[in-house]
Amino acid sequence: MRRVYKRRQSTMVDELDKRIGHRMPVEPPPGGMQMSLTLPPEYPAAEVSRNAAAAGLHARPLSLYCLADNAPNALHLGFAAVPDRAIAPAAEALANAILASGPGGSA
């Protein structure tokens, strides 16, 4: 399963980087089945999360997991349960949700 999760992680990072890497860094996690994506301030995580939900994606703002008010402007993303063939379309939908939440509001 480690190879499967590593492949999915790599695909997710590569697909996001292709679409939004020119606007924000997409850092691969050290391992695991999920990752966080830090967003620049002009892309509010809560708004991105709402846009992603409208596209059928689960991209939760990290603030949902924090007790303090100083949560990073970031998303919690899971990829382990996403079939390989669905990762690229999901990354594209997430990138569109992110870009729609920022300056100009267009993907």
PDB file of N, CA and C in Angstrom:
ATOM      1  N   MET A   1       0.824  -1.204   0.000  1.00  0.00           N
ATOM      2  CA  MET A   1       0.000   0.000   0.000  1.00  0.00           C
ATOM      3  C   MET A   1       0.867   1.265   0.000  1.00  0.00           C
ATOM      4  N   ARG A   2       2.042   1.162   0.584  1.00  0.00           N
ATOM      5  CA  ARG A   2       2.914   2.339   0.590  1.00  0.00           C
ATOM      6  C   ARG A   2       3.210   2.844  -0.821  1.00  0.00           C
ATOM      7  N   ARG A   3       3.438   1.916  -1.732  1.00  0.00           N
ATOM      8  CA  ARG A   3       3.711   2.318  -3.128  1.00  0.00           C
ATOM      9  C   ARG A   3       2.493   2.997  -3.750  1.00  0.00           C
ATOM     10  N   VAL A   4       1.314   2.475  -3.451  1.00  0.00           N
ATOM     11  CA  VAL A   4       0.084   3.064  -3.984  1.00  0.00           C
ATOM     12  C   VAL A   4      -0.078   4.486  -3.462  1.00  0.00           C
ATOM     13  N   TYR A   5       0.071   4.673  -2.147  1.00  0.00           N
ATOM     14  CA  TYR A   5      -0.090   6.006  -1.558  1.00  0.00           C
ATOM     15  C   TYR A   5       0.990   6.956  -2.056  1.00  0.00           C
ATOM     16  N   LYS A   6       2.217   6.464  -2.201  1.00  0.00           N
ATOM     17  CA  LYS A   6       3.308   7.309  -2.704  1.00  0.00           C
ATOM     18  C   LYS A   6       3.015   7.761  -4.127  1.00  0.00           C
ATOM     19  N   ARG A   7       2.502   6.848  -4.956  1.00  0.00           N
ATOM     20  CA  ARG A   7       2.159   7.192  -6.335  1.00  0.00           C
ATOM     21  C   ARG A   7       1.041   8.232  -6.360  1.00  0.00           C
ATOM     22  N   ARG A   8       0.028   8.036  -5.540  1.00  0.00           N
ATOM     23  CA  ARG A   8      -1.086   8.989  -5.496  1.00  0.00           C
ATOM     24  C   ARG A   8      -0.621  10.336  -4.981  1.00  0.00           C
ATOM     25  N   GLN A   9       0.224  10.309  -3.962  1.00  0.00           N
ATOM     26  CA  GLN A   9       0.769  11.562  -3.432  1.00  0.00           C
ATOM     27  C   GLN A   9       1.554  12.292  -4.511  1.00  0.00           C
ATOM     28  N   SER A  10       2.418  11.581  -5.200  1.00  0.00           N
ATOM     29  CA  SER A  10       3.238  12.189  -6.240  1.00  0.00           C
ATOM     30  C   SER A  10       2.370  12.761  -7.360  1.00  0.00           C
ATOM     31  N   THR A  11       1.350  12.018  -7.751  1.00  0.00           N
ATOM     32  CA  THR A  11       0.443  12.492  -8.798  1.00  0.00           C
ATOM     33  C   THR A  11      -0.287  13.751  -8.343  1.00  0.00           C
ATOM     34  N   MET A  12      -0.770  13.746  -7.105  1.00  0.00           N
ATOM     35  CA  MET A  12      -1.491  14.913  -6.577  1.00  0.00           C
ATOM     36  C   MET A  12      -0.589  16.142  -6.557  1.00  0.00           C
ATOM     37  N   VAL A  13       0.609  15.996  -6.037  1.00  0.00           N
ATOM     38  CA  VAL A  13       1.535  17.126  -5.967  1.00  0.00           C
ATOM     39  C   VAL A  13       1.881  17.613  -7.376  1.00  0.00           C
ATOM     40  N   ASP A  14       2.197  16.696  -8.281  1.00  0.00           N
ATOM     41  CA  ASP A  14       2.559  17.091  -9.647  1.00  0.00           C
ATOM     42  C   ASP A  14       1.405  17.795 -10.360  1.00  0.00           C
ATOM     43  N   GLU A  15       0.212  17.251 -10.223  1.00  0.00           N
ATOM     44  CA  GLU A  15      -0.949  17.842 -10.899  1.00  0.00           C
ATOM     45  C   GLU A  15      -1.276  19.226 -10.341  1.00  0.00           C
ATOM     46  N   LEU A  16      -1.200  19.383  -9.025  1.00  0.00           N
ATOM     47  CA  LEU A  16      -1.443  20.708  -8.434  1.00  0.00           C
ATOM     48  C   LEU A  16      -0.348  21.687  -8.841  1.00  0.00           C
ATOM     49  N   ASP A  17       0.898  21.214  -8.815  1.00  0.00           N
ATOM     50  CA  ASP A  17       2.012  22.087  -9.168  1.00  0.00           C
ATOM     51  C   ASP A  17       1.885  22.584 -10.607  1.00  0.00           C
ATOM     52  N   LYS A  18       1.451  21.732 -11.522  1.00  0.00           N
ATOM     53  CA  LYS A  18       1.250  22.146 -12.924  1.00  0.00           C
ATOM     54  C   LYS A  18       0.232  23.268 -13.038  1.00  0.00           C
ATOM     55  N   ARG A  19      -0.769  23.231 -12.178  1.00  0.00           N
ATOM     56  CA  ARG A  19      -1.893  24.151 -12.318  1.00  0.00           C
ATOM     57  C   ARG A  19      -1.756  25.426 -11.480  1.00  0.00           C
ATOM     58  N   ILE A  20      -1.149  25.327 -10.299  1.00  0.00           N
ATOM     59  CA  ILE A  20      -1.063  26.506  -9.417  1.00  0.00           C
ATOM     60  C   ILE A  20       0.349  26.786  -8.905  1.00  0.00           C
ATOM     61  N   GLY A  21       1.319  25.980  -9.309  1.00  0.00           N
ATOM     62  CA  GLY A  21       2.688  26.154  -8.825  1.00  0.00           C
ATOM     63  C   GLY A  21       3.288  27.507  -9.158  1.00  0.00           C
ATOM     64  N   HIS A  22       2.797  28.139 -10.196  1.00  0.00           N
ATOM     65  CA  HIS A  22       3.283  29.472 -10.565  1.00  0.00           C
ATOM     66  C   HIS A  22       2.768  30.553  -9.601  1.00  0.00           C
ATOM     67  N   ARG A  23       1.774  30.209  -8.777  1.00  0.00           N
ATOM     68  CA  ARG A  23       1.203  31.179  -7.834  1.00  0.00           C
ATOM     69  C   ARG A  23       1.521  30.868  -6.380  1.00  0.00           C
ATOM     70  N   MET A  24       1.800  29.598  -6.088  1.00  0.00           N
ATOM     71  CA  MET A  24       2.078  29.192  -4.704  1.00  0.00           C
ATOM     72  C   MET A  24       2.854  27.889  -4.724  1.00  0.00           C
ATOM     73  N   PRO A  25       3.685  27.670  -3.714  1.00  0.00           N
ATOM     74  CA  PRO A  25       4.430  26.416  -3.687  1.00  0.00           C
ATOM     75  C   PRO A  25       3.524  25.229  -3.340  1.00  0.00           C
ATOM     76  N   VAL A  26       3.743  24.136  -4.015  1.00  0.00           N
ATOM     77  CA  VAL A  26       3.042  22.887  -3.716  1.00  0.00           C
ATOM     78  C   VAL A  26       4.111  21.921  -3.219  1.00  0.00           C
ATOM     79  N   GLU A  27       4.163  21.752  -1.910  1.00  0.00           N
ATOM     80  CA  GLU A  27       5.210  20.952  -1.282  1.00  0.00           C
ATOM     81  C   GLU A  27       4.725  19.537  -1.018  1.00  0.00           C
ATOM     82  N   PRO A  28       5.494  18.537  -1.437  1.00  0.00           N
ATOM     83  CA  PRO A  28       5.093  17.166  -1.124  1.00  0.00           C
ATOM     84  C   PRO A  28       5.274  16.895   0.370  1.00  0.00           C
ATOM     85  N   PRO A  29       4.349  16.170   0.965  1.00  0.00           N
ATOM     86  CA  PRO A  29       4.509  15.810   2.368  1.00  0.00           C
ATOM     87  C   PRO A  29       5.591  14.745   2.492  1.00  0.00           C
ATOM     88  N   PRO A  30       6.148  14.568   3.683  1.00  0.00           N
ATOM     89  CA  PRO A  30       7.193  13.555   3.851  1.00  0.00           C
ATOM     90  C   PRO A  30       6.672  12.125   3.696  1.00  0.00           C
ATOM     91  N   GLY A  31       5.394  11.941   3.732  1.00  0.00           N
ATOM     92  CA  GLY A  31       4.804  10.614   3.583  1.00  0.00           C
ATOM     93  C   GLY A  31       3.352  10.675   3.992  1.00  0.00           C
ATOM     94  N   GLY A  32       2.738   9.529   4.088  1.00  0.00           N
ATOM     95  CA  GLY A  32       1.370   9.487   4.567  1.00  0.00           C
ATOM     96  C   GLY A  32       0.330   9.467   3.477  1.00  0.00           C
ATOM     97  N   MET A  33      -0.901   9.703   3.883  1.00  0.00           N
ATOM     98  CA  MET A  33      -2.052   9.601   2.997  1.00  0.00           C
ATOM     99  C   MET A  33      -2.800  10.912   2.863  1.00  0.00           C
ATOM    100  N   GLN A  34      -2.194  11.978   3.356  1.00  0.00           N
ATOM    101  CA  GLN A  34      -2.814  13.295   3.299  1.00  0.00           C
ATOM    102  C   GLN A  34      -1.718  14.345   3.275  1.00  0.00           C
ATOM    103  N   MET A  35      -2.113  15.557   2.990  1.00  0.00           N
ATOM    104  CA  MET A  35      -1.143  16.647   2.943  1.00  0.00           C
ATOM    105  C   MET A  35      -1.838  17.952   3.280  1.00  0.00           C
ATOM    106  N   SER A  36      -1.032  18.939   3.596  1.00  0.00           N
ATOM    107  CA  SER A  36      -1.585  20.282   3.742  1.00  0.00           C
ATOM    108  C   SER A  36      -1.041  21.127   2.593  1.00  0.00           C
ATOM    109  N   LEU A  37      -1.851  22.069   2.180  1.00  0.00           N
ATOM    110  CA  LEU A  37      -1.480  22.992   1.117  1.00  0.00           C
ATOM    111  C   LEU A  37      -1.612  24.400   1.665  1.00  0.00           C
ATOM    112  N   THR A  38      -0.475  25.050   1.873  1.00  0.00           N
ATOM    113  CA  THR A  38      -0.471  26.411   2.384  1.00  0.00           C
ATOM    114  C   THR A  38      -0.813  27.365   1.254  1.00  0.00           C
ATOM    115  N   LEU A  39      -1.751  28.254   1.539  1.00  0.00           N
ATOM    116  CA  LEU A  39      -2.225  29.210   0.541  1.00  0.00           C
ATOM    117  C   LEU A  39      -1.712  30.603   0.857  1.00  0.00           C
ATOM    118  N   PRO A  40      -1.408  31.404  -0.147  1.00  0.00           N
ATOM    119  CA  PRO A  40      -1.083  32.803   0.093  1.00  0.00           C
ATOM    120  C   PRO A  40      -2.308  33.512   0.687  1.00  0.00           C
ATOM    121  N   PRO A  41      -2.089  34.608   1.398  1.00  0.00           N
ATOM    122  CA  PRO A  41      -3.198  35.306   2.062  1.00  0.00           C
ATOM    123  C   PRO A  41      -4.337  35.712   1.134  1.00  0.00           C
ATOM    124  N   GLU A  42      -4.039  35.970  -0.127  1.00  0.00           N
ATOM    125  CA  GLU A  42      -5.094  36.413  -1.046  1.00  0.00           C
ATOM    126  C   GLU A  42      -6.011  35.284  -1.506  1.00  0.00           C
ATOM    127  N   TYR A  43      -5.758  34.066  -1.031  1.00  0.00           N
ATOM    128  CA  TYR A  43      -6.604  32.904  -1.318  1.00  0.00           C
ATOM    129  C   TYR A  43      -7.103  32.337   0.009  1.00  0.00           C
ATOM    130  N   PRO A  44      -8.160  32.903   0.585  1.00  0.00           N
ATOM    131  CA  PRO A  44      -8.635  32.476   1.912  1.00  0.00           C
ATOM    132  C   PRO A  44      -9.074  31.010   1.920  1.00  0.00           C
ATOM    133  N   ALA A  45      -8.504  30.247   2.839  1.00  0.00           N
ATOM    134  CA  ALA A  45      -8.770  28.805   2.901  1.00  0.00           C
ATOM    135  C   ALA A  45     -10.256  28.491   3.062  1.00  0.00           C
ATOM    136  N   ALA A  46     -10.966  29.267   3.853  1.00  0.00           N
ATOM    137  CA  ALA A  46     -12.396  28.999   4.059  1.00  0.00           C
ATOM    138  C   ALA A  46     -13.175  29.171   2.754  1.00  0.00           C
ATOM    139  N   GLU A  47     -12.833  30.194   1.995  1.00  0.00           N
ATOM    140  CA  GLU A  47     -13.518  30.417   0.713  1.00  0.00           C
ATOM    141  C   GLU A  47     -13.135  29.333  -0.300  1.00  0.00           C
ATOM    142  N   VAL A  48     -11.863  28.969  -0.323  1.00  0.00           N
ATOM    143  CA  VAL A  48     -11.427  27.896  -1.215  1.00  0.00           C
ATOM    144  C   VAL A  48     -12.173  26.609  -0.872  1.00  0.00           C
ATOM    145  N   SER A  49     -12.310  26.335   0.417  1.00  0.00           N
ATOM    146  CA  SER A  49     -13.010  25.131   0.859  1.00  0.00           C
ATOM    147  C   SER A  49     -14.458  25.126   0.381  1.00  0.00           C
ATOM    148  N   ARG A  50     -15.117  26.259   0.471  1.00  0.00           N
ATOM    149  CA  ARG A  50     -16.509  26.352  -0.012  1.00  0.00           C
ATOM    150  C   ARG A  50     -16.585  26.124  -1.521  1.00  0.00           C
ATOM    151  N   ASN A  51     -15.661  26.725  -2.258  1.00  0.00           N
ATOM    152  CA  ASN A  51     -15.635  26.535  -3.712  1.00  0.00           C
ATOM    153  C   ASN A  51     -15.332  25.080  -4.066  1.00  0.00           C
ATOM    154  N   ALA A  52     -14.432  24.473  -3.326  1.00  0.00           N
ATOM    155  CA  ALA A  52     -14.101  23.065  -3.570  1.00  0.00           C
ATOM    156  C   ALA A  52     -15.307  22.178  -3.276  1.00  0.00           C
ATOM    157  N   ALA A  53     -16.015  22.462  -2.187  1.00  0.00           N
ATOM    158  CA  ALA A  53     -17.204  21.672  -1.839  1.00  0.00           C
ATOM    159  C   ALA A  53     -18.257  21.775  -2.939  1.00  0.00           C
ATOM    160  N   ALA A  54     -18.389  22.954  -3.518  1.00  0.00           N
ATOM    161  CA  ALA A  54     -19.356  23.130  -4.606  1.00  0.00           C
ATOM    162  C   ALA A  54     -18.981  22.280  -5.820  1.00  0.00           C
ATOM    163  N   ALA A  55     -17.685  21.949  -5.927  1.00  0.00           N
ATOM    164  CA  ALA A  55     -17.207  21.104  -7.021  1.00  0.00           C
ATOM    165  C   ALA A  55     -17.166  19.632  -6.620  1.00  0.00           C
ATOM    166  N   GLY A  56     -17.674  19.332  -5.415  1.00  0.00           N
ATOM    167  CA  GLY A  56     -17.713  17.955  -4.958  1.00  0.00           C
ATOM    168  C   GLY A  56     -16.448  17.456  -4.294  1.00  0.00           C
ATOM    169  N   LEU A  57     -15.578  18.373  -3.879  1.00  0.00           N
ATOM    170  CA  LEU A  57     -14.311  17.999  -3.251  1.00  0.00           C
ATOM    171  C   LEU A  57     -14.326  18.274  -1.753  1.00  0.00           C
ATOM    172  N   HIS A  58     -13.554  17.506  -1.015  1.00  0.00           N
ATOM    173  CA  HIS A  58     -13.353  17.741   0.412  1.00  0.00           C
ATOM    174  C   HIS A  58     -11.964  18.343   0.590  1.00  0.00           C
ATOM    175  N   ALA A  59     -11.905  19.624   0.812  1.00  0.00           N
ATOM    176  CA  ALA A  59     -10.659  20.346   1.073  1.00  0.00           C
ATOM    177  C   ALA A  59     -10.937  21.237   2.274  1.00  0.00           C
ATOM    178  N   ARG A  60     -10.642  20.735   3.439  1.00  0.00           N
ATOM    179  CA  ARG A  60     -10.991  21.433   4.675  1.00  0.00           C
ATOM    180  C   ARG A  60      -9.921  22.457   5.052  1.00  0.00           C
ATOM    181  N   PRO A  61     -10.330  23.637   5.498  1.00  0.00           N
ATOM    182  CA  PRO A  61      -9.337  24.588   6.006  1.00  0.00           C
ATOM    183  C   PRO A  61      -8.737  24.042   7.309  1.00  0.00           C
ATOM    184  N   LEU A  62      -7.447  24.242   7.493  1.00  0.00           N
ATOM    185  CA  LEU A  62      -6.796  23.761   8.718  1.00  0.00           C
ATOM    186  C   LEU A  62      -7.369  24.417   9.958  1.00  0.00           C
ATOM    187  N   SER A  63      -7.984  25.573   9.802  1.00  0.00           N
ATOM    188  CA  SER A  63      -8.578  26.258  10.956  1.00  0.00           C
ATOM    189  C   SER A  63      -9.638  25.396  11.646  1.00  0.00           C
ATOM    190  N   LEU A  64     -10.248  24.461  10.927  1.00  0.00           N
ATOM    191  CA  LEU A  64     -11.237  23.566  11.551  1.00  0.00           C
ATOM    192  C   LEU A  64     -10.606  22.666  12.598  1.00  0.00           C
ATOM    193  N   TYR A  65      -9.298  22.464  12.507  1.00  0.00           N
ATOM    194  CA  TYR A  65      -8.598  21.566  13.411  1.00  0.00           C
ATOM    195  C   TYR A  65      -7.844  22.312  14.510  1.00  0.00           C
ATOM    196  N   CYS A  66      -7.950  23.629  14.543  1.00  0.00           N
ATOM    197  CA  CYS A  66      -7.178  24.441  15.488  1.00  0.00           C
ATOM    198  C   CYS A  66      -8.079  25.063  16.546  1.00  0.00           C
ATOM    199  N   LEU A  67      -7.603  25.082  17.766  1.00  0.00           N
ATOM    200  CA  LEU A  67      -8.337  25.739  18.843  1.00  0.00           C
ATOM    201  C   LEU A  67      -8.021  27.227  18.904  1.00  0.00           C
ATOM    202  N   ALA A  68      -6.825  27.599  18.520  1.00  0.00           N
ATOM    203  CA  ALA A  68      -6.406  28.998  18.565  1.00  0.00           C
ATOM    204  C   ALA A  68      -6.869  29.720  17.295  1.00  0.00           C
ATOM    205  N   ASP A  69      -6.846  31.033  17.351  1.00  0.00           N
ATOM    206  CA  ASP A  69      -7.277  31.844  16.213  1.00  0.00           C
ATOM    207  C   ASP A  69      -6.182  32.058  15.171  1.00  0.00           C
ATOM    208  N   ASN A  70      -5.002  31.535  15.426  1.00  0.00           N
ATOM    209  CA  ASN A  70      -3.886  31.808  14.517  1.00  0.00           C
ATOM    210  C   ASN A  70      -3.571  30.613  13.615  1.00  0.00           C
ATOM    211  N   ALA A  71      -4.591  29.966  13.121  1.00  0.00           N
ATOM    212  CA  ALA A  71      -4.404  28.824  12.230  1.00  0.00           C
ATOM    213  C   ALA A  71      -3.777  29.289  10.920  1.00  0.00           C
ATOM    214  N   PRO A  72      -2.942  28.455  10.334  1.00  0.00           N
ATOM    215  CA  PRO A  72      -2.385  28.829   9.034  1.00  0.00           C
ATOM    216  C   PRO A  72      -3.469  28.857   7.960  1.00  0.00           C
ATOM    217  N   ASN A  73      -3.245  29.665   6.962  1.00  0.00           N
ATOM    218  CA  ASN A  73      -4.154  29.727   5.815  1.00  0.00           C
ATOM    219  C   ASN A  73      -3.784  28.556   4.908  1.00  0.00           C
ATOM    220  N   ALA A  74      -4.371  27.404   5.202  1.00  0.00           N
ATOM    221  CA  ALA A  74      -3.984  26.182   4.510  1.00  0.00           C
ATOM    222  C   ALA A  74      -5.163  25.220   4.451  1.00  0.00           C
ATOM    223  N   LEU A  75      -5.041  24.253   3.556  1.00  0.00           N
ATOM    224  CA  LEU A  75      -6.060  23.232   3.380  1.00  0.00           C
ATOM    225  C   LEU A  75      -5.523  21.864   3.791  1.00  0.00           C
ATOM    226  N   HIS A  76      -6.404  21.035   4.291  1.00  0.00           N
ATOM    227  CA  HIS A  76      -6.104  19.630   4.573  1.00  0.00           C
ATOM    228  C   HIS A  76      -6.657  18.824   3.401  1.00  0.00           C
ATOM    229  N   LEU A  77      -5.782  18.076   2.733  1.00  0.00           N
ATOM    230  CA  LEU A  77      -6.164  17.318   1.541  1.00  0.00           C
ATOM    231  C   LEU A  77      -5.835  15.841   1.739  1.00  0.00           C
ATOM    232  N   GLY A  78      -6.777  15.000   1.460  1.00  0.00           N
ATOM    233  CA  GLY A  78      -6.533  13.564   1.487  1.00  0.00           C
ATOM    234  C   GLY A  78      -6.524  13.031   0.072  1.00  0.00           C
ATOM    235  N   PHE A  79      -5.663  12.055  -0.185  1.00  0.00           N
ATOM    236  CA  PHE A  79      -5.586  11.493  -1.529  1.00  0.00           C
ATOM    237  C   PHE A  79      -5.567   9.969  -1.522  1.00  0.00           C
ATOM    238  N   ALA A  80      -5.465   9.353  -0.379  1.00  0.00           N
ATOM    239  CA  ALA A  80      -5.311   7.904  -0.299  1.00  0.00           C
ATOM    240  C   ALA A  80      -6.495   7.141  -0.874  1.00  0.00           C
ATOM    241  N   ALA A  81      -7.698   7.633  -0.676  1.00  0.00           N
ATOM    242  CA  ALA A  81      -8.893   6.924  -1.127  1.00  0.00           C
ATOM    243  C   ALA A  81      -9.328   7.330  -2.534  1.00  0.00           C
ATOM    244  N   VAL A  82      -8.574   8.226  -3.149  1.00  0.00           N
ATOM    245  CA  VAL A  82      -8.924   8.700  -4.487  1.00  0.00           C
ATOM    246  C   VAL A  82      -8.272   7.778  -5.520  1.00  0.00           C
ATOM    247  N   PRO A  83      -9.047   7.172  -6.393  1.00  0.00           N
ATOM    248  CA  PRO A  83      -8.459   6.311  -7.424  1.00  0.00           C
ATOM    249  C   PRO A  83      -7.469   7.091  -8.292  1.00  0.00           C
ATOM    250  N   ASP A  84      -6.438   6.421  -8.728  1.00  0.00           N
ATOM    251  CA  ASP A  84      -5.399   7.083  -9.529  1.00  0.00           C
ATOM    252  C   ASP A  84      -5.982   7.905 -10.676  1.00  0.00           C
ATOM    253  N   ARG A  85      -6.926   7.347 -11.406  1.00  0.00           N
ATOM    254  CA  ARG A  85      -7.477   8.024 -12.585  1.00  0.00           C
ATOM    255  C   ARG A  85      -8.282   9.281 -12.219  1.00  0.00           C
ATOM    256  N   ALA A  86      -8.671   9.411 -10.950  1.00  0.00           N
ATOM    257  CA  ALA A  86      -9.477  10.556 -10.529  1.00  0.00           C
ATOM    258  C   ALA A  86      -8.642  11.696  -9.945  1.00  0.00           C
ATOM    259  N   ILE A  87      -7.366  11.462  -9.739  1.00  0.00           N
ATOM    260  CA  ILE A  87      -6.538  12.485  -9.088  1.00  0.00           C
ATOM    261  C   ILE A  87      -6.350  13.714  -9.976  1.00  0.00           C
ATOM    262  N   ALA A  88      -6.019  13.532 -11.232  1.00  0.00           N
ATOM    263  CA  ALA A  88      -5.808  14.691 -12.116  1.00  0.00           C
ATOM    264  C   ALA A  88      -7.069  15.545 -12.244  1.00  0.00           C
ATOM    265  N   PRO A  89      -8.246  14.956 -12.477  1.00  0.00           N
ATOM    266  CA  PRO A  89      -9.452  15.790 -12.530  1.00  0.00           C
ATOM    267  C   PRO A  89      -9.746  16.483 -11.194  1.00  0.00           C
ATOM    268  N   ALA A  90      -9.478  15.803 -10.086  1.00  0.00           N
ATOM    269  CA  ALA A  90      -9.705  16.417  -8.774  1.00  0.00           C
ATOM    270  C   ALA A  90      -8.733  17.571  -8.546  1.00  0.00           C
ATOM    271  N   ALA A  91      -7.480  17.383  -8.952  1.00  0.00           N
ATOM    272  CA  ALA A  91      -6.492  18.458  -8.813  1.00  0.00           C
ATOM    273  C   ALA A  91      -6.880  19.659  -9.664  1.00  0.00           C
ATOM    274  N   GLU A  92      -7.385  19.400 -10.848  1.00  0.00           N
ATOM    275  CA  GLU A  92      -7.830  20.499 -11.710  1.00  0.00           C
ATOM    276  C   GLU A  92      -9.009  21.241 -11.079  1.00  0.00           C
ATOM    277  N   ALA A  93      -9.960  20.501 -10.542  1.00  0.00           N
ATOM    278  CA  ALA A  93     -11.114  21.136  -9.881  1.00  0.00           C
ATOM    279  C   ALA A  93     -10.670  21.923  -8.652  1.00  0.00           C
ATOM    280  N   LEU A  94      -9.724  21.379  -7.900  1.00  0.00           N
ATOM    281  CA  LEU A  94      -9.228  22.098  -6.722  1.00  0.00           C
ATOM    282  C   LEU A  94      -8.478  23.358  -7.146  1.00  0.00           C
ATOM    283  N   ALA A  95      -7.649  23.251  -8.162  1.00  0.00           N
ATOM    284  CA  ALA A  95      -6.930  24.436  -8.650  1.00  0.00           C
ATOM    285  C   ALA A  95      -7.913  25.513  -9.092  1.00  0.00           C
ATOM    286  N   ASN A  96      -8.970  25.122  -9.771  1.00  0.00           N
ATOM    287  CA  ASN A  96      -9.993  26.090 -10.183  1.00  0.00           C
ATOM    288  C   ASN A  96     -10.672  26.723  -8.974  1.00  0.00           C
ATOM    289  N   ALA A  97     -10.943  25.924  -7.934  1.00  0.00           N
ATOM    290  CA  ALA A  97     -11.559  26.456  -6.710  1.00  0.00           C
ATOM    291  C   ALA A  97     -10.632  27.444  -6.025  1.00  0.00           C
ATOM    292  N   ILE A  98      -9.342  27.141  -6.034  1.00  0.00           N
ATOM    293  CA  ILE A  98      -8.363  28.045  -5.423  1.00  0.00           C
ATOM    294  C   ILE A  98      -8.306  29.352  -6.207  1.00  0.00           C
ATOM    295  N   LEU A  99      -8.126  29.250  -7.509  1.00  0.00           N
ATOM    296  CA  LEU A  99      -7.990  30.460  -8.325  1.00  0.00           C
ATOM    297  C   LEU A  99      -9.243  31.309  -8.314  1.00  0.00           C
ATOM    298  N   ALA A 100     -10.403  30.670  -8.225  1.00  0.00           N
ATOM    299  CA  ALA A 100     -11.662  31.420  -8.168  1.00  0.00           C
ATOM    300  C   ALA A 100     -11.820  32.175  -6.853  1.00  0.00           C
ATOM    301  N   SER A 101     -11.042  31.784  -5.845  1.00  0.00           N
ATOM    302  CA  SER A 101     -11.122  32.418  -4.532  1.00  0.00           C
ATOM    303  C   SER A 101     -10.169  33.588  -4.366  1.00  0.00           C
ATOM    304  N   GLY A 102      -9.303  33.794  -5.335  1.00  0.00           N
ATOM    305  CA  GLY A 102      -8.280  34.812  -5.192  1.00  0.00           C
ATOM    306  C   GLY A 102      -8.556  36.065  -5.988  1.00  0.00           C
ATOM    307  N   PRO A 103      -7.502  36.857  -6.177  1.00  0.00           N
ATOM    308  CA  PRO A 103      -7.632  38.101  -6.926  1.00  0.00           C
ATOM    309  C   PRO A 103      -8.220  37.870  -8.312  1.00  0.00           C
ATOM    310  N   GLY A 104      -9.226  38.567  -8.630  1.00  0.00           N
ATOM    311  CA  GLY A 104      -9.869  38.428  -9.927  1.00  0.00           C
ATOM    312  C   GLY A 104     -10.910  37.345  -9.973  1.00  0.00           C
ATOM    313  N   GLY A 105     -10.812  36.389  -9.061  1.00  0.00           N
ATOM    314  CA  GLY A 105     -11.810  35.343  -8.938  1.00  0.00           C
ATOM    315  C   GLY A 105     -12.044  34.495 -10.171  1.00  0.00           C
ATOM    316  N   SER A 106     -11.002  34.281 -10.964  1.00  0.00           N
ATOM    317  CA  SER A 106     -11.198  33.438 -12.144  1.00  0.00           C
ATOM    318  C   SER A 106     -10.087  32.412 -12.234  1.00  0.00           C
ATOM    319  N   ALA A 107     -10.425  31.282 -12.771  1.00  0.00           N
ATOM    320  CA  ALA A 107      -9.431  30.224 -12.954  1.00  0.00           C
ATOM    321  C   ALA A 107      -8.702  30.500 -14.229  1.00  0.00           C
TER     322      ALA A 107
END
